[in-house]
């Protein structure tokens, strides 16, 4: 980018040099400092078709209480807005290998997912994954103690959409992030209420 009305975007210094104009640089041109990195190729590990959304919340309850409640699929209806039904394909209790069917409505579509529990460390981490549907995904819950005696819960969804969903991956990530934040707020309200 060369000289412009509000300054120069120097490729070598990656900065904006103000012109003699008394007006401040436009944010459009001030962003030149990031333009080179934005245009540069992504690292080899980057895949724009992978959706990876992580959200967190602090809940004023002990970690084991939060983990026990959140990792119980039967409680999903109380705090996941889009989950409409839960069915167990393997007898309780929850353990690695358990299979759970979640029926959800997301972005106007009915989605039936069979999740399999991949990891379960009580009070620390719960991982389940599905290979079915247009959006194979892994969901991870993790819990940490906070200084105030509460819990920081992290919810991570990671997957690689297929078919038309690949085209809409960035939109899916945004919608998923909003839904996850809302769900975690509902979980907080249920557990603190």
N, C-alpha and C. Protein backbone atom coordinates (compact mmCIF):
# COMPACT_ATOMS: atom_id res chain seq x y z
N UNK A 1 0.85 -1.16 0.00
CA UNK A 1 0.00 0.00 0.00
C UNK A 1 0.90 1.22 0.00
N UNK A 2 0.65 2.17 -0.82
CA UNK A 2 1.49 3.35 -0.93
C UNK A 2 0.92 4.53 -0.18
N UNK A 3 1.45 5.74 -0.50
CA UNK A 3 0.97 6.93 0.18
C UNK A 3 -0.51 7.11 -0.05
N UNK A 4 -1.17 7.57 0.94
CA UNK A 4 -2.60 7.82 0.85
C UNK A 4 -2.93 9.13 1.52
N UNK A 5 -4.19 9.42 1.55
CA UNK A 5 -4.66 10.68 2.11
C UNK A 5 -4.25 10.83 3.57
N UNK A 6 -4.21 9.73 4.31
CA UNK A 6 -3.94 9.82 5.74
C UNK A 6 -2.56 9.31 6.12
N UNK A 7 -1.78 8.88 5.19
CA UNK A 7 -0.44 8.44 5.55
C UNK A 7 0.06 7.34 4.66
N UNK A 8 1.13 6.71 5.10
CA UNK A 8 1.79 5.68 4.33
C UNK A 8 1.83 4.40 5.15
N UNK A 9 1.54 3.32 4.48
CA UNK A 9 1.66 2.03 5.14
C UNK A 9 2.98 1.44 4.67
N UNK A 10 3.95 1.40 5.54
CA UNK A 10 5.27 0.92 5.21
C UNK A 10 5.34 -0.58 5.41
N UNK A 11 5.64 -1.30 4.35
CA UNK A 11 5.71 -2.76 4.44
C UNK A 11 6.85 -3.19 5.35
N UNK A 12 7.96 -2.48 5.29
CA UNK A 12 9.10 -2.91 6.10
C UNK A 12 8.90 -2.63 7.58
N UNK A 13 8.32 -1.49 7.93
CA UNK A 13 8.15 -1.19 9.35
C UNK A 13 6.79 -1.63 9.88
N UNK A 14 5.88 -1.96 8.96
CA UNK A 14 4.54 -2.37 9.34
C UNK A 14 3.89 -1.36 10.27
N UNK A 15 4.05 -0.11 9.93
CA UNK A 15 3.42 0.94 10.73
C UNK A 15 2.83 1.98 9.80
N UNK A 16 2.05 2.85 10.36
CA UNK A 16 1.42 3.92 9.60
C UNK A 16 2.14 5.20 9.94
N UNK A 17 2.64 5.90 8.92
CA UNK A 17 3.29 7.18 9.12
C UNK A 17 2.27 8.26 8.83
N UNK A 18 1.91 9.08 9.83
CA UNK A 18 0.90 10.10 9.60
C UNK A 18 1.36 11.11 8.58
N UNK A 19 0.44 11.64 7.83
CA UNK A 19 0.75 12.69 6.87
C UNK A 19 0.66 14.03 7.57
N UNK A 20 0.84 15.07 6.82
CA UNK A 20 0.78 16.42 7.37
C UNK A 20 -0.65 16.81 7.71
N UNK A 21 -1.59 16.02 7.28
CA UNK A 21 -2.99 16.34 7.53
C UNK A 21 -3.26 16.40 9.03
N UNK A 22 -4.14 17.29 9.43
CA UNK A 22 -4.47 17.41 10.85
C UNK A 22 -5.48 16.35 11.28
N UNK A 23 -6.06 15.66 10.33
CA UNK A 23 -7.04 14.63 10.66
C UNK A 23 -6.32 13.35 11.08
N UNK A 24 -6.89 12.64 12.05
CA UNK A 24 -6.25 11.38 12.47
C UNK A 24 -6.37 10.33 11.37
N UNK A 25 -5.48 9.37 11.38
CA UNK A 25 -5.56 8.31 10.36
C UNK A 25 -6.88 7.54 10.47
N UNK A 26 -7.39 7.15 9.33
CA UNK A 26 -8.60 6.34 9.29
C UNK A 26 -8.27 4.96 9.83
N UNK A 27 -9.20 4.34 10.58
CA UNK A 27 -8.95 2.97 11.05
C UNK A 27 -8.67 2.02 9.90
N UNK A 28 -9.23 2.34 8.72
CA UNK A 28 -8.99 1.50 7.55
C UNK A 28 -7.51 1.46 7.21
N UNK A 29 -6.85 2.63 7.30
CA UNK A 29 -5.43 2.68 6.96
C UNK A 29 -4.56 2.35 8.15
N UNK A 30 -5.04 2.68 9.34
CA UNK A 30 -4.27 2.36 10.54
C UNK A 30 -4.09 0.85 10.67
N UNK A 31 -5.01 0.11 10.11
CA UNK A 31 -4.95 -1.35 10.17
C UNK A 31 -3.85 -1.92 9.29
N UNK A 32 -3.17 -1.06 8.52
CA UNK A 32 -2.10 -1.55 7.66
C UNK A 32 -1.05 -2.30 8.44
N UNK A 33 -0.87 -1.94 9.71
CA UNK A 33 0.15 -2.61 10.50
C UNK A 33 -0.11 -4.11 10.59
N UNK A 34 -1.36 -4.52 10.43
CA UNK A 34 -1.69 -5.94 10.50
C UNK A 34 -1.92 -6.55 9.12
N UNK A 35 -1.89 -5.73 8.09
CA UNK A 35 -2.24 -6.19 6.76
C UNK A 35 -1.31 -7.29 6.27
N UNK A 36 0.00 -7.10 6.47
CA UNK A 36 0.95 -8.11 5.98
C UNK A 36 0.70 -9.46 6.63
N UNK A 37 0.47 -9.46 7.95
CA UNK A 37 0.23 -10.74 8.61
C UNK A 37 -1.10 -11.32 8.19
N UNK A 38 -2.06 -10.45 7.90
CA UNK A 38 -3.37 -10.93 7.47
C UNK A 38 -3.28 -11.58 6.10
N UNK A 39 -2.45 -11.01 5.22
CA UNK A 39 -2.31 -11.55 3.87
C UNK A 39 -1.34 -12.72 3.79
N UNK A 40 -0.50 -12.85 4.79
CA UNK A 40 0.50 -13.93 4.79
C UNK A 40 -0.19 -15.28 4.86
N UNK A 41 0.45 -16.30 4.31
CA UNK A 41 -0.15 -17.64 4.40
C UNK A 41 -0.28 -18.05 5.86
N UNK A 42 -1.29 -18.82 6.14
CA UNK A 42 -1.50 -19.31 7.50
C UNK A 42 -0.48 -20.39 7.80
N UNK A 43 -0.19 -20.61 9.07
CA UNK A 43 0.75 -21.69 9.43
C UNK A 43 0.27 -23.02 8.88
N UNK A 44 1.17 -23.95 8.64
CA UNK A 44 0.79 -25.25 8.06
C UNK A 44 -0.28 -25.98 8.86
N UNK A 45 -0.34 -25.75 10.17
CA UNK A 45 -1.32 -26.47 10.99
C UNK A 45 -2.72 -25.84 10.91
N UNK A 46 -2.83 -24.63 10.35
CA UNK A 46 -4.11 -23.94 10.29
C UNK A 46 -5.01 -24.57 9.23
N UNK A 47 -6.26 -24.76 9.55
CA UNK A 47 -7.24 -25.29 8.60
C UNK A 47 -8.52 -24.48 8.75
N UNK A 48 -8.83 -23.67 7.75
CA UNK A 48 -9.98 -22.78 7.86
C UNK A 48 -11.31 -23.54 7.91
N UNK A 49 -11.29 -24.84 7.61
CA UNK A 49 -12.53 -25.62 7.67
C UNK A 49 -12.75 -26.28 9.03
N UNK A 50 -11.81 -26.12 9.94
CA UNK A 50 -11.98 -26.65 11.29
C UNK A 50 -12.61 -25.57 12.15
N UNK A 51 -13.68 -25.94 12.83
CA UNK A 51 -14.32 -25.04 13.78
C UNK A 51 -13.81 -25.42 15.16
N UNK A 52 -13.25 -24.45 15.87
CA UNK A 52 -12.71 -24.70 17.20
C UNK A 52 -13.16 -23.56 18.10
N UNK A 53 -14.16 -23.82 18.93
CA UNK A 53 -14.77 -22.79 19.76
C UNK A 53 -14.58 -23.17 21.23
N UNK A 54 -14.01 -22.26 21.99
CA UNK A 54 -13.83 -22.48 23.43
C UNK A 54 -14.44 -21.32 24.19
N UNK A 55 -15.28 -21.63 25.17
CA UNK A 55 -15.90 -20.62 26.01
C UNK A 55 -15.70 -21.03 27.47
N UNK A 56 -15.70 -20.03 28.34
CA UNK A 56 -15.48 -20.29 29.76
C UNK A 56 -16.45 -19.48 30.60
N UNK A 57 -16.67 -19.94 31.82
CA UNK A 57 -17.49 -19.20 32.77
C UNK A 57 -17.05 -19.59 34.18
N UNK A 58 -17.21 -18.66 35.10
CA UNK A 58 -16.97 -18.96 36.51
C UNK A 58 -18.31 -19.18 37.19
N UNK A 59 -18.38 -20.25 37.96
CA UNK A 59 -19.61 -20.64 38.66
C UNK A 59 -19.29 -20.73 40.15
N UNK A 60 -20.11 -20.08 40.96
CA UNK A 60 -19.88 -20.02 42.41
C UNK A 60 -20.38 -21.30 43.09
N UNK A 61 -19.80 -22.40 42.70
CA UNK A 61 -20.10 -23.71 43.30
C UNK A 61 -18.81 -24.53 43.27
N UNK A 62 -18.67 -25.49 44.18
CA UNK A 62 -17.47 -26.33 44.18
C UNK A 62 -17.32 -27.10 42.86
N UNK A 63 -16.07 -27.31 42.49
CA UNK A 63 -15.74 -27.95 41.21
C UNK A 63 -16.43 -29.31 41.05
N UNK A 64 -16.42 -30.14 42.07
CA UNK A 64 -17.03 -31.47 41.93
C UNK A 64 -18.53 -31.38 41.69
N UNK A 65 -19.21 -30.42 42.32
CA UNK A 65 -20.65 -30.25 42.09
C UNK A 65 -20.93 -29.85 40.64
N UNK A 66 -20.14 -28.88 40.14
CA UNK A 66 -20.32 -28.41 38.76
C UNK A 66 -20.03 -29.54 37.79
N UNK A 67 -18.92 -30.25 37.99
CA UNK A 67 -18.53 -31.32 37.08
C UNK A 67 -19.55 -32.46 37.08
N UNK A 68 -20.02 -32.85 38.26
CA UNK A 68 -21.01 -33.93 38.33
C UNK A 68 -22.29 -33.56 37.59
N UNK A 69 -22.74 -32.34 37.77
CA UNK A 69 -23.99 -31.90 37.13
C UNK A 69 -23.81 -31.76 35.61
N UNK A 70 -22.75 -31.05 35.20
CA UNK A 70 -22.56 -30.76 33.77
C UNK A 70 -22.25 -32.01 32.95
N UNK A 71 -21.56 -32.97 33.53
CA UNK A 71 -21.19 -34.17 32.76
C UNK A 71 -22.29 -35.23 32.74
N UNK A 72 -23.39 -35.00 33.42
CA UNK A 72 -24.51 -35.94 33.40
C UNK A 72 -25.41 -35.60 32.21
N UNK A 73 -25.45 -36.44 31.18
CA UNK A 73 -26.26 -36.14 29.99
C UNK A 73 -27.73 -35.89 30.31
N UNK A 74 -28.26 -36.50 31.36
CA UNK A 74 -29.66 -36.28 31.71
C UNK A 74 -29.95 -34.83 32.09
N UNK A 75 -28.93 -34.08 32.49
CA UNK A 75 -29.11 -32.68 32.87
C UNK A 75 -29.01 -31.72 31.68
N UNK A 76 -28.63 -32.23 30.52
CA UNK A 76 -28.43 -31.36 29.35
C UNK A 76 -29.68 -30.57 28.99
N UNK A 77 -30.85 -31.15 29.17
CA UNK A 77 -32.09 -30.44 28.82
C UNK A 77 -32.28 -29.19 29.66
N UNK A 78 -31.74 -29.17 30.86
CA UNK A 78 -31.91 -28.02 31.75
C UNK A 78 -31.01 -26.85 31.39
N UNK A 79 -29.88 -27.11 30.73
CA UNK A 79 -28.98 -25.97 30.49
C UNK A 79 -28.56 -25.79 29.04
N UNK A 80 -28.77 -26.76 28.18
CA UNK A 80 -28.49 -26.58 26.75
C UNK A 80 -29.78 -26.15 26.06
N UNK A 81 -29.78 -24.96 25.53
CA UNK A 81 -30.99 -24.45 24.87
C UNK A 81 -31.42 -25.30 23.68
N UNK A 82 -30.46 -25.76 22.89
CA UNK A 82 -30.79 -26.44 21.63
C UNK A 82 -31.00 -27.94 21.79
N UNK A 83 -30.67 -28.52 22.93
CA UNK A 83 -30.89 -29.96 23.15
C UNK A 83 -32.35 -30.17 23.52
N UNK A 84 -33.01 -31.02 22.74
CA UNK A 84 -34.44 -31.27 22.96
C UNK A 84 -34.73 -32.65 23.52
N UNK A 85 -33.77 -33.58 23.39
CA UNK A 85 -33.98 -34.92 23.91
C UNK A 85 -32.63 -35.60 24.11
N UNK A 86 -32.56 -36.50 25.09
CA UNK A 86 -31.35 -37.27 25.39
C UNK A 86 -31.75 -38.72 25.60
N UNK A 87 -31.05 -39.64 24.91
CA UNK A 87 -31.30 -41.07 25.07
C UNK A 87 -29.96 -41.78 25.26
N UNK A 88 -29.94 -42.73 26.16
CA UNK A 88 -28.73 -43.52 26.40
C UNK A 88 -28.76 -44.75 25.50
N UNK A 89 -27.67 -45.01 24.77
CA UNK A 89 -27.55 -46.23 23.97
C UNK A 89 -26.83 -47.33 24.74
N UNK A 90 -26.30 -46.99 25.88
CA UNK A 90 -25.61 -47.95 26.73
C UNK A 90 -26.05 -47.66 28.15
N UNK A 91 -26.25 -48.68 28.92
CA UNK A 91 -26.76 -48.51 30.28
C UNK A 91 -25.88 -47.56 31.10
N UNK A 92 -26.53 -46.88 32.03
CA UNK A 92 -25.82 -46.00 32.96
C UNK A 92 -25.02 -46.89 33.91
N UNK A 93 -24.01 -46.43 34.55
CA UNK A 93 -23.55 -45.06 34.68
C UNK A 93 -22.67 -44.64 33.50
N UNK A 94 -22.41 -43.36 33.43
CA UNK A 94 -21.57 -42.80 32.39
C UNK A 94 -20.14 -43.31 32.57
N UNK A 95 -19.56 -43.78 31.47
CA UNK A 95 -18.17 -44.27 31.48
C UNK A 95 -17.61 -44.15 30.08
N UNK A 96 -16.30 -44.30 29.97
CA UNK A 96 -15.68 -44.28 28.64
C UNK A 96 -16.32 -45.37 27.81
N UNK A 97 -16.75 -45.02 26.60
CA UNK A 97 -17.44 -45.96 25.72
C UNK A 97 -18.95 -45.79 25.72
N UNK A 98 -19.50 -45.13 26.75
CA UNK A 98 -20.95 -44.88 26.77
C UNK A 98 -21.35 -44.11 25.52
N UNK A 99 -22.54 -44.41 25.01
CA UNK A 99 -23.06 -43.73 23.83
C UNK A 99 -24.37 -43.05 24.21
N UNK A 100 -24.47 -41.77 23.84
CA UNK A 100 -25.63 -40.96 24.17
C UNK A 100 -26.13 -40.29 22.90
N UNK A 101 -27.44 -40.35 22.69
CA UNK A 101 -28.05 -39.68 21.53
C UNK A 101 -28.58 -38.34 22.01
N UNK A 102 -28.12 -37.28 21.36
CA UNK A 102 -28.63 -35.93 21.63
C UNK A 102 -29.43 -35.49 20.41
N UNK A 103 -30.65 -35.05 20.63
CA UNK A 103 -31.47 -34.48 19.56
C UNK A 103 -31.45 -32.98 19.79
N UNK A 104 -30.98 -32.25 18.79
CA UNK A 104 -30.85 -30.80 18.92
C UNK A 104 -31.53 -30.10 17.76
N UNK A 105 -31.85 -28.85 17.99
CA UNK A 105 -32.32 -27.95 16.93
C UNK A 105 -31.35 -26.79 16.92
N UNK A 106 -30.63 -26.62 15.80
CA UNK A 106 -29.61 -25.58 15.70
C UNK A 106 -29.68 -24.96 14.33
N UNK A 107 -29.74 -23.64 14.28
CA UNK A 107 -29.85 -22.89 13.03
C UNK A 107 -31.01 -23.40 12.18
N UNK A 108 -32.12 -23.72 12.84
CA UNK A 108 -33.33 -24.13 12.15
C UNK A 108 -33.36 -25.57 11.68
N UNK A 109 -32.36 -26.35 12.04
CA UNK A 109 -32.31 -27.75 11.60
C UNK A 109 -32.37 -28.69 12.80
N UNK A 110 -32.99 -29.85 12.58
CA UNK A 110 -32.97 -30.91 13.59
C UNK A 110 -31.70 -31.72 13.37
N UNK A 111 -30.96 -31.92 14.43
CA UNK A 111 -29.72 -32.67 14.36
C UNK A 111 -29.75 -33.79 15.39
N UNK A 112 -29.53 -35.02 14.93
CA UNK A 112 -29.44 -36.17 15.82
C UNK A 112 -27.98 -36.60 15.87
N UNK A 113 -27.40 -36.53 17.03
CA UNK A 113 -26.00 -36.90 17.18
C UNK A 113 -25.87 -38.04 18.18
N UNK A 114 -25.07 -39.04 17.83
CA UNK A 114 -24.72 -40.08 18.79
C UNK A 114 -23.29 -39.77 19.23
N UNK A 115 -23.18 -39.36 20.47
CA UNK A 115 -21.87 -39.06 21.05
C UNK A 115 -21.36 -40.27 21.80
N UNK A 116 -20.06 -40.50 21.70
CA UNK A 116 -19.41 -41.55 22.48
C UNK A 116 -18.44 -40.89 23.45
N UNK A 117 -18.49 -41.32 24.70
CA UNK A 117 -17.60 -40.78 25.71
C UNK A 117 -16.18 -41.28 25.42
N UNK A 118 -15.25 -40.34 25.26
CA UNK A 118 -13.86 -40.67 24.95
C UNK A 118 -12.95 -40.59 26.17
N UNK A 119 -13.27 -39.68 27.09
CA UNK A 119 -12.47 -39.52 28.30
C UNK A 119 -13.36 -39.02 29.42
N UNK A 120 -13.11 -39.53 30.61
CA UNK A 120 -13.88 -39.10 31.78
C UNK A 120 -12.96 -39.16 32.99
N UNK A 121 -12.54 -37.97 33.42
CA UNK A 121 -11.75 -37.84 34.64
C UNK A 121 -12.62 -37.03 35.59
N UNK A 122 -13.31 -37.71 36.51
CA UNK A 122 -14.28 -37.02 37.36
C UNK A 122 -13.71 -35.76 38.01
N UNK A 123 -14.48 -34.68 37.86
CA UNK A 123 -14.09 -33.41 38.45
C UNK A 123 -13.05 -32.63 37.68
N UNK A 124 -12.51 -33.20 36.58
CA UNK A 124 -11.46 -32.52 35.83
C UNK A 124 -11.79 -32.35 34.35
N UNK A 125 -12.18 -33.46 33.70
CA UNK A 125 -12.32 -33.40 32.24
C UNK A 125 -13.31 -34.45 31.76
N UNK A 126 -14.11 -34.05 30.76
CA UNK A 126 -15.08 -34.95 30.14
C UNK A 126 -15.03 -34.69 28.65
N UNK A 127 -14.78 -35.73 27.86
CA UNK A 127 -14.68 -35.59 26.40
C UNK A 127 -15.61 -36.58 25.75
N UNK A 128 -16.42 -36.07 24.81
CA UNK A 128 -17.28 -36.95 24.01
C UNK A 128 -17.18 -36.49 22.57
N UNK A 129 -17.39 -37.42 21.64
CA UNK A 129 -17.23 -37.10 20.23
C UNK A 129 -18.27 -37.84 19.40
N UNK A 130 -18.57 -37.25 18.25
CA UNK A 130 -19.46 -37.88 17.29
C UNK A 130 -18.81 -37.82 15.91
N UNK A 131 -19.00 -38.86 15.15
CA UNK A 131 -18.51 -38.90 13.77
C UNK A 131 -19.66 -38.80 12.79
N UNK A 132 -20.87 -38.63 13.30
CA UNK A 132 -22.07 -38.66 12.47
C UNK A 132 -22.52 -37.26 12.06
N UNK A 133 -23.37 -37.23 11.06
CA UNK A 133 -24.00 -35.99 10.64
C UNK A 133 -23.09 -35.11 9.82
N UNK A 134 -23.58 -33.90 9.51
CA UNK A 134 -22.83 -33.00 8.66
C UNK A 134 -21.68 -32.31 9.40
N UNK A 135 -21.59 -32.52 10.70
CA UNK A 135 -20.61 -31.80 11.49
C UNK A 135 -20.02 -32.70 12.58
N UNK A 136 -19.12 -33.64 12.21
CA UNK A 136 -18.46 -34.46 13.22
C UNK A 136 -17.73 -33.54 14.21
N UNK A 137 -17.90 -33.82 15.49
CA UNK A 137 -17.40 -32.88 16.48
C UNK A 137 -16.96 -33.57 17.76
N UNK A 138 -16.01 -32.94 18.42
CA UNK A 138 -15.57 -33.37 19.75
C UNK A 138 -15.93 -32.25 20.73
N UNK A 139 -16.54 -32.62 21.83
CA UNK A 139 -16.92 -31.67 22.87
C UNK A 139 -16.15 -32.00 24.13
N UNK A 140 -15.51 -31.00 24.70
CA UNK A 140 -14.71 -31.18 25.91
C UNK A 140 -15.18 -30.22 26.98
N UNK A 141 -15.45 -30.75 28.16
CA UNK A 141 -15.71 -29.94 29.34
C UNK A 141 -14.48 -30.09 30.23
N UNK A 142 -14.04 -28.99 30.82
CA UNK A 142 -12.98 -29.08 31.83
C UNK A 142 -13.30 -28.12 32.96
N UNK A 143 -12.82 -28.48 34.14
CA UNK A 143 -13.14 -27.70 35.34
C UNK A 143 -11.88 -27.45 36.13
N UNK A 144 -11.78 -26.22 36.68
CA UNK A 144 -10.67 -25.83 37.55
C UNK A 144 -11.24 -25.08 38.74
N UNK A 145 -10.56 -25.20 39.89
CA UNK A 145 -10.95 -24.42 41.06
C UNK A 145 -10.59 -22.96 40.84
N UNK A 146 -11.41 -22.06 41.38
CA UNK A 146 -11.08 -20.63 41.38
C UNK A 146 -10.59 -20.27 42.78
N UNK A 147 -9.94 -19.12 42.88
CA UNK A 147 -9.42 -18.67 44.18
C UNK A 147 -10.53 -18.49 45.21
N UNK A 148 -11.73 -18.14 44.75
CA UNK A 148 -12.84 -17.89 45.67
C UNK A 148 -13.63 -19.13 46.06
N UNK A 149 -13.15 -20.31 45.69
CA UNK A 149 -13.85 -21.54 46.06
C UNK A 149 -14.88 -21.99 45.04
N UNK A 150 -14.95 -21.29 43.92
CA UNK A 150 -15.87 -21.67 42.86
C UNK A 150 -15.17 -22.50 41.80
N UNK A 151 -15.75 -22.48 40.60
CA UNK A 151 -15.25 -23.31 39.50
C UNK A 151 -15.18 -22.51 38.22
N UNK A 152 -14.09 -22.67 37.49
CA UNK A 152 -14.02 -22.17 36.12
C UNK A 152 -14.29 -23.36 35.21
N UNK A 153 -15.37 -23.27 34.44
CA UNK A 153 -15.70 -24.35 33.50
C UNK A 153 -15.40 -23.88 32.09
N UNK A 154 -14.72 -24.73 31.34
CA UNK A 154 -14.44 -24.49 29.93
C UNK A 154 -15.25 -25.47 29.10
N UNK A 155 -15.83 -24.96 28.03
CA UNK A 155 -16.58 -25.78 27.07
C UNK A 155 -15.93 -25.56 25.71
N UNK A 156 -15.44 -26.64 25.11
CA UNK A 156 -14.77 -26.54 23.81
C UNK A 156 -15.45 -27.48 22.83
N UNK A 157 -15.80 -26.94 21.68
CA UNK A 157 -16.33 -27.74 20.57
C UNK A 157 -15.37 -27.61 19.41
N UNK A 158 -14.92 -28.75 18.89
CA UNK A 158 -13.98 -28.74 17.78
C UNK A 158 -14.44 -29.77 16.77
N UNK A 159 -14.51 -29.35 15.52
CA UNK A 159 -14.94 -30.28 14.49
C UNK A 159 -14.63 -29.79 13.10
N UNK A 160 -14.81 -30.68 12.15
CA UNK A 160 -14.57 -30.37 10.74
C UNK A 160 -15.88 -30.60 9.99
N UNK A 161 -16.59 -29.52 9.67
CA UNK A 161 -17.85 -29.67 8.94
C UNK A 161 -17.60 -30.30 7.57
N UNK A 162 -18.60 -31.03 7.08
CA UNK A 162 -18.51 -31.63 5.76
C UNK A 162 -19.63 -31.09 4.88
N UNK A 163 -19.53 -31.35 3.60
CA UNK A 163 -20.57 -30.91 2.67
C UNK A 163 -20.72 -29.40 2.67
N UNK A 164 -21.97 -28.94 2.57
CA UNK A 164 -22.25 -27.51 2.53
C UNK A 164 -21.81 -26.82 3.82
N UNK A 165 -21.82 -27.55 4.91
CA UNK A 165 -21.42 -26.97 6.20
C UNK A 165 -19.98 -26.45 6.16
N UNK A 166 -19.13 -27.01 5.29
CA UNK A 166 -17.75 -26.52 5.17
C UNK A 166 -17.73 -25.08 4.72
N UNK A 167 -18.63 -24.73 3.83
CA UNK A 167 -18.68 -23.36 3.30
C UNK A 167 -19.06 -22.38 4.40
N UNK A 168 -19.90 -22.83 5.30
CA UNK A 168 -20.42 -21.95 6.34
C UNK A 168 -19.68 -22.09 7.67
N UNK A 169 -18.50 -22.71 7.66
CA UNK A 169 -17.76 -22.95 8.90
C UNK A 169 -17.55 -21.68 9.73
N UNK A 170 -17.14 -20.56 9.13
CA UNK A 170 -16.96 -19.35 9.96
C UNK A 170 -18.27 -18.89 10.60
N UNK A 171 -19.37 -19.02 9.89
CA UNK A 171 -20.67 -18.64 10.46
C UNK A 171 -21.06 -19.61 11.57
N UNK A 172 -20.79 -20.89 11.35
CA UNK A 172 -21.08 -21.90 12.38
C UNK A 172 -20.30 -21.61 13.66
N UNK A 173 -19.05 -21.22 13.51
CA UNK A 173 -18.22 -20.93 14.69
C UNK A 173 -18.82 -19.79 15.49
N UNK A 174 -19.24 -18.73 14.82
CA UNK A 174 -19.84 -17.59 15.52
C UNK A 174 -21.13 -17.97 16.20
N UNK A 175 -21.99 -18.70 15.50
CA UNK A 175 -23.27 -19.12 16.08
C UNK A 175 -23.03 -20.07 17.25
N UNK A 176 -22.04 -20.95 17.12
CA UNK A 176 -21.73 -21.90 18.18
C UNK A 176 -21.20 -21.17 19.41
N UNK A 177 -20.34 -20.17 19.19
CA UNK A 177 -19.79 -19.41 20.31
C UNK A 177 -20.91 -18.71 21.09
N UNK A 178 -21.83 -18.08 20.37
CA UNK A 178 -22.97 -17.40 21.02
C UNK A 178 -23.82 -18.41 21.79
N UNK A 179 -24.11 -19.55 21.17
CA UNK A 179 -24.93 -20.57 21.83
C UNK A 179 -24.22 -21.12 23.07
N UNK A 180 -22.92 -21.37 22.97
CA UNK A 180 -22.17 -21.90 24.12
C UNK A 180 -22.16 -20.91 25.28
N UNK A 181 -21.97 -19.63 24.97
CA UNK A 181 -21.99 -18.62 26.04
C UNK A 181 -23.34 -18.60 26.73
N UNK A 182 -24.39 -18.66 25.93
CA UNK A 182 -25.74 -18.65 26.49
C UNK A 182 -25.98 -19.91 27.34
N UNK A 183 -25.54 -21.06 26.84
CA UNK A 183 -25.72 -22.31 27.58
C UNK A 183 -24.95 -22.29 28.91
N UNK A 184 -23.73 -21.77 28.89
CA UNK A 184 -22.96 -21.71 30.13
C UNK A 184 -23.60 -20.74 31.13
N UNK A 185 -24.19 -19.65 30.63
CA UNK A 185 -24.91 -18.75 31.54
C UNK A 185 -26.11 -19.45 32.15
N UNK A 186 -26.80 -20.28 31.36
CA UNK A 186 -27.93 -21.04 31.89
C UNK A 186 -27.46 -22.05 32.93
N UNK A 187 -26.35 -22.72 32.66
CA UNK A 187 -25.79 -23.67 33.63
C UNK A 187 -25.46 -22.95 34.94
N UNK A 188 -24.83 -21.80 34.83
CA UNK A 188 -24.49 -20.99 36.01
C UNK A 188 -25.75 -20.65 36.80
N UNK A 189 -26.80 -20.21 36.10
CA UNK A 189 -28.06 -19.85 36.77
C UNK A 189 -28.68 -21.06 37.47
N UNK A 190 -28.65 -22.21 36.81
CA UNK A 190 -29.21 -23.43 37.42
C UNK A 190 -28.44 -23.80 38.68
N UNK A 191 -27.12 -23.79 38.60
CA UNK A 191 -26.29 -24.24 39.72
C UNK A 191 -26.19 -23.23 40.85
N UNK A 192 -26.29 -21.95 40.52
CA UNK A 192 -26.20 -20.93 41.56
C UNK A 192 -27.56 -20.53 42.10
N UNK A 193 -28.63 -20.93 41.38
CA UNK A 193 -30.00 -20.52 41.73
C UNK A 193 -30.58 -21.13 42.89
